[in-house]
Amino acid sequence: MARYSRSNDWGFPRWRGYGAESGATRVRMCDRHGCDQPGDRPAPKSPNSPERWWFCEAHAAEYNRNWDYFAGLSAEEAAKREADERRDASGFGQAASSRWAGPGDGSRSRDELRALDALELEVDATFEEAKAAWRRLAKANHPDVKPNDAEAAERFRRVQAAWDVLRAAEERRAPYEGAP
């Protein structure tokens, strides 16, 4: 007759009290020869293989330092894999909200985008490009250069206002440049 005992954990092992296990806990040891630490960190034995080594923390760090992710690939295959990895992981990159970045990342306000348009720049222009455009347009439309031209004076005011907006935005971002 088979003996059946029912536990009161309703299938949730975390609800069991400490020491409720009847058998000894199996501890896997580090696969590094001569190591007597528990091996609780898996590492692949070879690329695209389901087999794993089990290392302690120190030997896992040593293994990872020497791991060549692109082993066995040609230069073209390695470049393609690296590009794919960068593309797929681009969402995990550092947020660009604290520096000048590309379009669509939410790092620029509408005023900044209008200012870039006034300086005849694309939305992904760098601060240095904005400064160069401001200088070029300010010199071309300055009232001293074109003394009796009302349109040039208006363009000069617009360029100056755009530069003020972009400079203020850059100064706000400056304390965060070194932040992780």
N, C-alpha and C. Protein backbone atom coordinates (compact mmCIF):
# COMPACT_ATOMS: atom_id res chain seq x y z
N MET A 1 0.84 -1.17 0.00
CA MET A 1 0.00 0.00 0.00
C MET A 1 0.89 1.24 0.00
N ALA A 2 0.64 2.14 -0.93
CA ALA A 2 1.44 3.37 -1.03
C ALA A 2 0.96 4.35 0.02
N ARG A 3 1.92 4.96 0.61
CA ARG A 3 1.58 5.94 1.65
C ARG A 3 1.58 7.33 1.04
N TYR A 4 0.54 8.05 1.24
CA TYR A 4 0.40 9.38 0.66
C TYR A 4 0.25 10.37 1.80
N SER A 5 1.11 11.36 1.80
CA SER A 5 0.98 12.40 2.81
C SER A 5 0.79 13.73 2.10
N ARG A 6 -0.04 14.50 2.64
CA ARG A 6 -0.37 15.78 2.03
C ARG A 6 0.31 16.90 2.79
N SER A 7 0.96 17.81 2.04
CA SER A 7 1.59 18.95 2.71
C SER A 7 0.57 20.08 2.79
N ASN A 8 0.84 21.00 3.64
CA ASN A 8 -0.08 22.12 3.79
C ASN A 8 0.46 23.40 3.15
N ASP A 9 1.33 23.25 2.14
CA ASP A 9 1.86 24.45 1.50
C ASP A 9 1.11 24.80 0.21
N TRP A 10 0.12 24.03 -0.18
CA TRP A 10 -0.71 24.27 -1.35
C TRP A 10 0.11 24.47 -2.63
N GLY A 11 1.23 23.79 -2.71
CA GLY A 11 2.05 23.86 -3.91
C GLY A 11 3.01 25.02 -3.96
N PHE A 12 3.11 25.78 -2.90
CA PHE A 12 4.03 26.92 -2.86
C PHE A 12 5.15 26.61 -1.88
N PRO A 13 6.32 26.16 -2.37
CA PRO A 13 7.40 25.75 -1.47
C PRO A 13 7.88 26.86 -0.56
N ARG A 14 7.73 28.11 -0.94
CA ARG A 14 8.20 29.18 -0.07
C ARG A 14 7.38 29.28 1.20
N TRP A 15 6.20 28.69 1.20
CA TRP A 15 5.36 28.77 2.39
C TRP A 15 5.78 27.78 3.45
N ARG A 16 6.66 26.86 3.09
CA ARG A 16 7.13 25.87 4.07
C ARG A 16 8.03 26.56 5.08
N GLY A 17 7.99 26.10 6.27
CA GLY A 17 8.87 26.65 7.30
C GLY A 17 10.29 26.19 7.09
N TYR A 18 11.24 26.89 7.70
CA TYR A 18 12.63 26.48 7.63
C TYR A 18 12.79 25.14 8.30
N GLY A 19 13.57 24.27 7.69
CA GLY A 19 13.79 22.96 8.27
C GLY A 19 12.68 21.98 7.96
N ALA A 20 11.73 22.33 7.12
CA ALA A 20 10.62 21.44 6.82
C ALA A 20 11.02 20.37 5.80
N GLU A 21 12.11 20.57 5.11
CA GLU A 21 12.56 19.58 4.14
C GLU A 21 13.04 18.34 4.87
N SER A 22 12.72 17.22 4.30
CA SER A 22 13.13 15.98 4.96
C SER A 22 14.50 15.52 4.51
N GLY A 23 14.93 15.90 3.29
CA GLY A 23 16.22 15.45 2.79
C GLY A 23 17.28 16.53 2.89
N ALA A 24 18.52 16.11 2.68
CA ALA A 24 19.63 17.06 2.71
C ALA A 24 19.62 17.91 1.44
N THR A 25 20.00 19.15 1.55
CA THR A 25 20.06 20.04 0.41
C THR A 25 21.30 19.71 -0.40
N ARG A 26 21.13 19.57 -1.71
CA ARG A 26 22.25 19.25 -2.58
C ARG A 26 22.94 20.54 -2.97
N VAL A 27 24.23 20.63 -2.74
CA VAL A 27 25.02 21.80 -3.10
C VAL A 27 25.97 21.40 -4.21
N ARG A 28 25.86 22.11 -5.32
CA ARG A 28 26.76 21.84 -6.44
C ARG A 28 28.06 22.59 -6.19
N MET A 29 29.18 21.91 -6.36
CA MET A 29 30.48 22.51 -6.11
C MET A 29 31.03 23.14 -7.39
N CYS A 30 31.93 24.06 -7.23
CA CYS A 30 32.56 24.75 -8.36
C CYS A 30 33.29 23.73 -9.24
N ASP A 31 33.14 23.88 -10.57
CA ASP A 31 33.75 22.95 -11.51
C ASP A 31 35.24 23.21 -11.72
N ARG A 32 35.78 24.26 -11.17
CA ARG A 32 37.21 24.54 -11.28
C ARG A 32 37.98 23.55 -10.42
N HIS A 33 39.00 22.92 -10.99
CA HIS A 33 39.75 21.88 -10.27
C HIS A 33 40.38 22.44 -8.99
N GLY A 34 40.12 21.80 -7.90
CA GLY A 34 40.72 22.17 -6.62
C GLY A 34 39.91 23.19 -5.83
N CYS A 35 38.80 23.68 -6.35
CA CYS A 35 37.99 24.68 -5.65
C CYS A 35 36.94 23.97 -4.79
N ASP A 36 36.78 24.42 -3.55
CA ASP A 36 35.80 23.80 -2.66
C ASP A 36 34.63 24.72 -2.34
N GLN A 37 34.42 25.77 -3.16
CA GLN A 37 33.31 26.69 -2.97
C GLN A 37 32.08 26.21 -3.74
N PRO A 38 30.88 26.63 -3.31
CA PRO A 38 29.68 26.25 -4.07
C PRO A 38 29.68 26.87 -5.46
N GLY A 39 29.33 26.09 -6.46
CA GLY A 39 29.26 26.56 -7.84
C GLY A 39 27.83 26.95 -8.18
N ASP A 40 27.51 28.21 -7.98
CA ASP A 40 26.14 28.66 -8.20
C ASP A 40 26.01 29.64 -9.36
N ARG A 41 27.04 29.75 -10.21
CA ARG A 41 27.01 30.66 -11.34
C ARG A 41 27.27 29.87 -12.63
N PRO A 42 26.25 29.74 -13.48
CA PRO A 42 26.44 28.96 -14.70
C PRO A 42 27.22 29.73 -15.76
N ALA A 43 27.98 29.00 -16.55
CA ALA A 43 28.74 29.57 -17.66
C ALA A 43 28.72 28.57 -18.81
N PRO A 44 28.54 29.02 -20.05
CA PRO A 44 28.49 28.08 -21.17
C PRO A 44 29.83 27.43 -21.41
N LYS A 45 29.79 26.13 -21.76
CA LYS A 45 31.04 25.43 -22.07
C LYS A 45 31.56 25.86 -23.44
N SER A 46 30.67 26.15 -24.37
CA SER A 46 31.06 26.64 -25.70
C SER A 46 29.91 27.45 -26.26
N PRO A 47 30.17 28.28 -27.27
CA PRO A 47 29.09 29.09 -27.84
C PRO A 47 27.97 28.21 -28.39
N ASN A 48 26.74 28.63 -28.18
CA ASN A 48 25.55 27.95 -28.68
C ASN A 48 25.43 26.51 -28.17
N SER A 49 25.92 26.26 -26.99
CA SER A 49 25.83 24.93 -26.40
C SER A 49 24.97 24.99 -25.14
N PRO A 50 24.10 23.99 -24.93
CA PRO A 50 23.29 24.00 -23.71
C PRO A 50 24.07 23.55 -22.48
N GLU A 51 25.24 22.94 -22.66
CA GLU A 51 26.03 22.46 -21.52
C GLU A 51 26.64 23.64 -20.78
N ARG A 52 26.71 23.52 -19.46
CA ARG A 52 27.18 24.62 -18.63
C ARG A 52 28.24 24.14 -17.64
N TRP A 53 29.18 25.05 -17.35
CA TRP A 53 30.06 24.91 -16.21
C TRP A 53 29.35 25.59 -15.04
N TRP A 54 29.68 25.19 -13.83
CA TRP A 54 29.14 25.86 -12.64
C TRP A 54 30.32 26.30 -11.79
N PHE A 55 30.46 27.64 -11.68
CA PHE A 55 31.61 28.20 -10.99
C PHE A 55 31.20 28.96 -9.74
N CYS A 56 32.17 29.15 -8.84
CA CYS A 56 31.97 30.08 -7.72
C CYS A 56 32.16 31.50 -8.26
N GLU A 57 31.94 32.49 -7.42
CA GLU A 57 32.00 33.87 -7.90
C GLU A 57 33.37 34.24 -8.46
N ALA A 58 34.44 33.84 -7.77
CA ALA A 58 35.79 34.21 -8.21
C ALA A 58 36.13 33.56 -9.55
N HIS A 59 35.81 32.29 -9.72
CA HIS A 59 36.15 31.61 -10.96
C HIS A 59 35.21 32.00 -12.10
N ALA A 60 33.97 32.39 -11.80
CA ALA A 60 33.07 32.90 -12.84
C ALA A 60 33.61 34.22 -13.38
N ALA A 61 34.14 35.07 -12.50
CA ALA A 61 34.72 36.34 -12.94
C ALA A 61 35.94 36.09 -13.82
N GLU A 62 36.78 35.13 -13.45
CA GLU A 62 37.95 34.80 -14.25
C GLU A 62 37.54 34.26 -15.62
N TYR A 63 36.53 33.39 -15.64
CA TYR A 63 36.03 32.82 -16.89
C TYR A 63 35.48 33.91 -17.80
N ASN A 64 34.70 34.83 -17.25
CA ASN A 64 34.09 35.89 -18.05
C ASN A 64 35.13 36.86 -18.61
N ARG A 65 36.21 37.09 -17.86
CA ARG A 65 37.27 37.97 -18.35
C ARG A 65 37.92 37.40 -19.61
N ASN A 66 38.01 36.07 -19.69
CA ASN A 66 38.71 35.43 -20.80
C ASN A 66 37.76 34.96 -21.91
N TRP A 67 36.46 35.21 -21.76
CA TRP A 67 35.49 34.73 -22.75
C TRP A 67 35.54 35.57 -24.01
N ASP A 68 35.62 34.92 -25.15
CA ASP A 68 35.62 35.60 -26.43
C ASP A 68 34.27 35.35 -27.09
N TYR A 69 33.43 36.36 -27.10
CA TYR A 69 32.07 36.25 -27.61
C TYR A 69 32.06 35.98 -29.11
N PHE A 70 33.09 36.42 -29.82
CA PHE A 70 33.13 36.30 -31.27
C PHE A 70 34.05 35.18 -31.73
N ALA A 71 34.35 34.23 -30.88
CA ALA A 71 35.24 33.12 -31.25
C ALA A 71 34.62 32.30 -32.36
N GLY A 72 35.43 31.98 -33.38
CA GLY A 72 34.96 31.14 -34.48
C GLY A 72 34.20 31.88 -35.57
N LEU A 73 34.05 33.19 -35.46
CA LEU A 73 33.33 33.95 -36.47
C LEU A 73 34.32 34.69 -37.37
N SER A 74 33.93 34.85 -38.62
CA SER A 74 34.76 35.65 -39.51
C SER A 74 34.60 37.12 -39.13
N ALA A 75 35.41 37.98 -39.72
CA ALA A 75 35.34 39.41 -39.39
C ALA A 75 33.99 39.99 -39.78
N GLU A 76 33.44 39.55 -40.94
CA GLU A 76 32.14 40.06 -41.37
C GLU A 76 31.03 39.59 -40.43
N GLU A 77 31.07 38.29 -40.05
CA GLU A 77 30.05 37.76 -39.14
C GLU A 77 30.13 38.44 -37.77
N ALA A 78 31.35 38.68 -37.30
CA ALA A 78 31.51 39.35 -36.00
C ALA A 78 30.97 40.77 -36.06
N ALA A 79 31.25 41.48 -37.16
CA ALA A 79 30.74 42.85 -37.29
C ALA A 79 29.22 42.86 -37.37
N LYS A 80 28.64 41.90 -38.10
CA LYS A 80 27.18 41.82 -38.20
C LYS A 80 26.56 41.51 -36.84
N ARG A 81 27.14 40.56 -36.11
CA ARG A 81 26.60 40.21 -34.79
C ARG A 81 26.72 41.39 -33.83
N GLU A 82 27.84 42.10 -33.86
CA GLU A 82 28.00 43.26 -33.00
C GLU A 82 26.97 44.34 -33.33
N ALA A 83 26.74 44.57 -34.62
CA ALA A 83 25.75 45.58 -35.02
C ALA A 83 24.36 45.16 -34.58
N ASP A 84 24.04 43.87 -34.72
CA ASP A 84 22.73 43.38 -34.28
C ASP A 84 22.57 43.53 -32.77
N GLU A 85 23.61 43.21 -32.02
CA GLU A 85 23.55 43.33 -30.56
C GLU A 85 23.38 44.80 -30.15
N ARG A 86 24.10 45.69 -30.79
CA ARG A 86 23.98 47.11 -30.46
C ARG A 86 22.58 47.63 -30.79
N ARG A 87 22.02 47.19 -31.93
CA ARG A 87 20.69 47.61 -32.31
C ARG A 87 19.65 47.08 -31.32
N ASP A 88 19.74 45.80 -30.98
CA ASP A 88 18.76 45.19 -30.09
C ASP A 88 18.86 45.71 -28.67
N ALA A 89 20.06 46.12 -28.25
CA ALA A 89 20.25 46.58 -26.88
C ALA A 89 20.26 48.09 -26.78
N SER A 90 19.91 48.79 -27.84
CA SER A 90 20.01 50.25 -27.81
C SER A 90 19.05 50.86 -26.80
N GLY A 91 17.96 50.17 -26.49
CA GLY A 91 17.02 50.69 -25.51
C GLY A 91 17.57 50.68 -24.10
N PHE A 92 18.63 49.87 -23.89
CA PHE A 92 19.20 49.79 -22.56
C PHE A 92 20.37 50.75 -22.37
N GLY A 93 20.69 51.52 -23.40
CA GLY A 93 21.77 52.49 -23.29
C GLY A 93 21.42 53.59 -22.30
N GLN A 94 22.42 54.32 -21.92
CA GLN A 94 22.18 55.42 -20.98
C GLN A 94 21.22 56.43 -21.59
N ALA A 95 20.29 56.88 -20.80
CA ALA A 95 19.31 57.84 -21.28
C ALA A 95 20.01 59.10 -21.78
N ALA A 96 19.55 59.60 -22.89
CA ALA A 96 20.17 60.76 -23.49
C ALA A 96 19.49 62.05 -23.05
N SER A 97 18.73 62.00 -21.98
CA SER A 97 17.99 63.18 -21.57
C SER A 97 18.88 64.26 -20.97
N SER A 98 20.12 63.93 -20.67
CA SER A 98 20.98 64.93 -20.05
C SER A 98 22.02 65.48 -21.02
N ARG A 99 21.89 65.19 -22.29
CA ARG A 99 22.85 65.72 -23.27
C ARG A 99 22.16 65.87 -24.62
N TRP A 100 22.85 66.47 -25.56
CA TRP A 100 22.30 66.61 -26.91
C TRP A 100 22.23 65.23 -27.52
N ALA A 101 21.11 64.91 -28.11
CA ALA A 101 20.95 63.59 -28.69
C ALA A 101 20.10 63.67 -29.95
N GLY A 102 19.82 62.54 -30.52
CA GLY A 102 19.10 62.48 -31.78
C GLY A 102 17.62 62.76 -31.65
N PRO A 103 16.93 62.78 -32.77
CA PRO A 103 15.50 63.09 -32.77
C PRO A 103 14.69 61.99 -32.12
N GLY A 104 13.59 62.39 -31.51
CA GLY A 104 12.66 61.42 -30.97
C GLY A 104 12.98 60.86 -29.61
N ASP A 105 14.02 61.34 -28.98
CA ASP A 105 14.36 60.78 -27.67
C ASP A 105 13.77 61.58 -26.53
N GLY A 106 13.08 62.66 -26.83
CA GLY A 106 12.44 63.45 -25.79
C GLY A 106 13.37 64.34 -25.01
N SER A 107 14.59 64.53 -25.48
CA SER A 107 15.55 65.32 -24.71
C SER A 107 15.45 66.82 -25.03
N ARG A 108 14.72 67.19 -26.07
CA ARG A 108 14.63 68.59 -26.45
C ARG A 108 13.18 69.07 -26.38
N SER A 109 13.04 70.29 -25.94
CA SER A 109 11.71 70.89 -25.86
C SER A 109 11.31 71.44 -27.23
N ARG A 110 10.05 71.85 -27.33
CA ARG A 110 9.59 72.47 -28.58
C ARG A 110 10.35 73.75 -28.87
N ASP A 111 10.64 74.50 -27.81
CA ASP A 111 11.39 75.75 -28.00
C ASP A 111 12.78 75.47 -28.57
N GLU A 112 13.42 74.41 -28.09
CA GLU A 112 14.74 74.07 -28.61
C GLU A 112 14.65 73.64 -30.06
N LEU A 113 13.62 72.87 -30.40
CA LEU A 113 13.46 72.46 -31.80
C LEU A 113 13.18 73.66 -32.70
N ARG A 114 12.39 74.61 -32.22
CA ARG A 114 12.14 75.83 -33.00
C ARG A 114 13.43 76.64 -33.15
N ALA A 115 14.23 76.69 -32.10
CA ALA A 115 15.50 77.41 -32.16
C ALA A 115 16.44 76.77 -33.17
N LEU A 116 16.49 75.44 -33.21
CA LEU A 116 17.32 74.77 -34.21
C LEU A 116 16.82 75.08 -35.62
N ASP A 117 15.50 75.15 -35.77
CA ASP A 117 14.94 75.50 -37.08
C ASP A 117 15.32 76.93 -37.47
N ALA A 118 15.30 77.84 -36.50
CA ALA A 118 15.68 79.23 -36.78
C ALA A 118 17.15 79.34 -37.18
N LEU A 119 17.97 78.44 -36.65
CA LEU A 119 19.39 78.43 -37.00
C LEU A 119 19.68 77.58 -38.24
N GLU A 120 18.60 77.11 -38.89
CA GLU A 120 18.71 76.32 -40.12
C GLU A 120 19.47 75.03 -39.90
N LEU A 121 19.20 74.35 -38.77
CA LEU A 121 19.88 73.10 -38.43
C LEU A 121 18.88 71.96 -38.35
N GLU A 122 19.40 70.74 -38.47
CA GLU A 122 18.58 69.54 -38.30
C GLU A 122 18.37 69.31 -36.81
N VAL A 123 17.39 68.45 -36.47
CA VAL A 123 17.07 68.23 -35.05
C VAL A 123 18.14 67.45 -34.31
N ASP A 124 19.05 66.79 -35.02
CA ASP A 124 20.10 66.03 -34.35
C ASP A 124 21.43 66.77 -34.32
N ALA A 125 21.40 68.09 -34.49
CA ALA A 125 22.62 68.89 -34.49
C ALA A 125 23.23 68.94 -33.09
N THR A 126 24.54 69.00 -33.04
CA THR A 126 25.25 69.11 -31.76
C THR A 126 25.27 70.57 -31.30
N PHE A 127 25.65 70.77 -30.05
CA PHE A 127 25.73 72.12 -29.52
C PHE A 127 26.80 72.93 -30.27
N GLU A 128 27.90 72.29 -30.63
CA GLU A 128 28.95 73.00 -31.37
C GLU A 128 28.46 73.44 -32.74
N GLU A 129 27.68 72.59 -33.41
CA GLU A 129 27.10 72.98 -34.70
C GLU A 129 26.14 74.16 -34.54
N ALA A 130 25.37 74.15 -33.45
CA ALA A 130 24.44 75.26 -33.19
C ALA A 130 25.22 76.55 -32.95
N LYS A 131 26.32 76.46 -32.23
CA LYS A 131 27.13 77.65 -31.96
C LYS A 131 27.73 78.21 -33.26
N ALA A 132 28.21 77.32 -34.13
CA ALA A 132 28.78 77.76 -35.40
C ALA A 132 27.71 78.40 -36.29
N ALA A 133 26.53 77.81 -36.32
CA ALA A 133 25.44 78.38 -37.13
C ALA A 133 25.01 79.73 -36.59
N TRP A 134 24.94 79.84 -35.26
CA TRP A 134 24.58 81.14 -34.65
C TRP A 134 25.59 82.21 -35.05
N ARG A 135 26.87 81.90 -34.94
CA ARG A 135 27.89 82.89 -35.30
C ARG A 135 27.80 83.28 -36.77
N ARG A 136 27.63 82.30 -37.64
CA ARG A 136 27.54 82.57 -39.08
C ARG A 136 26.35 83.46 -39.40
N LEU A 137 25.17 83.11 -38.86
CA LEU A 137 23.96 83.88 -39.16
C LEU A 137 23.97 85.26 -38.48
N ALA A 138 24.55 85.33 -37.28
CA ALA A 138 24.62 86.63 -36.60
C ALA A 138 25.53 87.59 -37.35
N LYS A 139 26.66 87.09 -37.85
CA LYS A 139 27.56 87.95 -38.63
C LYS A 139 26.92 88.39 -39.93
N ALA A 140 26.18 87.49 -40.56
CA ALA A 140 25.57 87.84 -41.85
C ALA A 140 24.43 88.83 -41.71
N ASN A 141 23.72 88.82 -40.57
CA ASN A 141 22.53 89.66 -40.41
C ASN A 141 22.70 90.76 -39.37
N HIS A 142 23.89 91.02 -38.92
CA HIS A 142 24.10 92.02 -37.87
C HIS A 142 23.75 93.42 -38.40
N PRO A 143 23.11 94.26 -37.54
CA PRO A 143 22.75 95.62 -37.97
C PRO A 143 23.93 96.47 -38.41
N ASP A 144 25.12 96.21 -37.88
CA ASP A 144 26.28 96.97 -38.32
C ASP A 144 26.71 96.58 -39.74
N VAL A 145 26.45 95.33 -40.12
CA VAL A 145 26.80 94.87 -41.47
C VAL A 145 25.76 95.35 -42.47
N LYS A 146 24.47 95.27 -42.08
CA LYS A 146 23.36 95.71 -42.94
C LYS A 146 22.58 96.77 -42.17
N PRO A 147 23.03 98.03 -42.19
CA PRO A 147 22.45 99.07 -41.34
C PRO A 147 21.01 99.45 -41.64
N ASN A 148 20.56 99.46 -42.85
CA ASN A 148 19.21 99.94 -43.17
C ASN A 148 18.29 98.81 -43.63
N ASP A 149 18.59 97.57 -43.24
CA ASP A 149 17.79 96.42 -43.68
C ASP A 149 16.95 95.92 -42.50
N ALA A 150 15.64 96.18 -42.55
CA ALA A 150 14.74 95.78 -41.45
C ALA A 150 14.59 94.27 -41.38
N GLU A 151 14.59 93.58 -42.54
CA GLU A 151 14.47 92.13 -42.54
C GLU A 151 15.69 91.48 -41.92
N ALA A 152 16.87 92.00 -42.21
CA ALA A 152 18.10 91.47 -41.61
C ALA A 152 18.09 91.70 -40.10
N ALA A 153 17.59 92.84 -39.65
CA ALA A 153 17.50 93.10 -38.21
C ALA A 153 16.56 92.11 -37.53
N GLU A 154 15.45 91.81 -38.20
CA GLU A 154 14.49 90.83 -37.65
C GLU A 154 15.11 89.43 -37.61
N ARG A 155 15.83 89.03 -38.67
CA ARG A 155 16.53 87.74 -38.68
C ARG A 155 17.57 87.69 -37.57
N PHE A 156 18.29 88.79 -37.37
CA PHE A 156 19.30 88.85 -36.31
C PHE A 156 18.65 88.64 -34.93
N ARG A 157 17.50 89.30 -34.68
CA ARG A 157 16.80 89.12 -33.40
C ARG A 157 16.34 87.67 -33.23
N ARG A 158 15.84 87.07 -34.31
CA ARG A 158 15.39 85.68 -34.24
C ARG A 158 16.56 84.73 -33.95
N VAL A 159 17.70 84.96 -34.60
CA VAL A 159 18.90 84.13 -34.39
C VAL A 159 19.40 84.29 -32.95
N GLN A 160 19.41 85.53 -32.45
CA GLN A 160 19.84 85.77 -31.06
C GLN A 160 18.92 85.07 -30.06
N ALA A 161 17.60 85.15 -30.29
CA ALA A 161 16.64 84.50 -29.39
C ALA A 161 16.83 82.98 -29.42
N ALA A 162 17.06 82.42 -30.62
CA ALA A 162 17.29 80.98 -30.74
C ALA A 162 18.55 80.58 -29.98
N TRP A 163 19.60 81.38 -30.13
CA TRP A 163 20.85 81.06 -29.43
C TRP A 163 20.65 81.13 -27.92
N ASP A 164 19.90 82.10 -27.43
CA ASP A 164 19.65 82.19 -25.99
C ASP A 164 18.92 80.95 -25.47
N VAL A 165 17.95 80.47 -26.23
CA VAL A 165 17.21 79.26 -25.83
C VAL A 165 18.15 78.06 -25.77
N LEU A 166 18.97 77.87 -26.80
CA LEU A 166 19.86 76.71 -26.86
C LEU A 166 20.96 76.79 -25.81
N ARG A 167 21.49 77.97 -25.58
CA ARG A 167 22.54 78.13 -24.57
C ARG A 167 22.00 77.84 -23.17
N ALA A 168 20.78 78.34 -22.88
CA ALA A 168 20.17 78.08 -21.57
C ALA A 168 19.90 76.59 -21.38
N ALA A 169 19.47 75.92 -22.44
CA ALA A 169 19.23 74.48 -22.35
C ALA A 169 20.53 73.72 -22.10
N GLU A 170 21.59 74.13 -22.77
CA GLU A 170 22.88 73.47 -22.56
C GLU A 170 23.40 73.70 -21.15
N GLU A 171 23.20 74.90 -20.61
CA GLU A 171 23.64 75.18 -19.24
C GLU A 171 22.86 74.36 -18.23
N ARG A 172 21.58 74.12 -18.51
CA ARG A 172 20.78 73.26 -17.62
C ARG A 172 21.28 71.83 -17.66
N ARG A 173 21.74 71.38 -18.82
CA ARG A 173 22.21 70.01 -18.95
C ARG A 173 23.62 69.82 -18.40
N ALA A 174 24.42 70.86 -18.34
CA ALA A 174 25.83 70.76 -17.99
C ALA A 174 26.08 70.05 -16.65
N PRO A 175 25.34 70.28 -15.57
CA PRO A 175 25.66 69.57 -14.32
C PRO A 175 25.47 68.07 -14.41
N TYR A 176 24.69 67.60 -15.39
CA TYR A 176 24.40 66.18 -15.49
C TYR A 176 25.31 65.45 -16.46
N GLU A 177 26.22 66.15 -17.09
CA GLU A 177 27.08 65.50 -18.10
C GLU A 177 27.88 64.35 -17.53
N GLY A 178 28.44 64.49 -16.36
CA GLY A 178 29.26 63.42 -15.79
C GLY A 178 28.47 62.38 -15.03
N ALA A 179 27.18 62.60 -14.87
CA ALA A 179 26.36 61.68 -14.08
C ALA A 179 26.13 60.39 -14.86
N PRO A 180 26.10 59.25 -14.16
CA PRO A 180 25.88 57.99 -14.86
C PRO A 180 24.46 57.84 -15.33
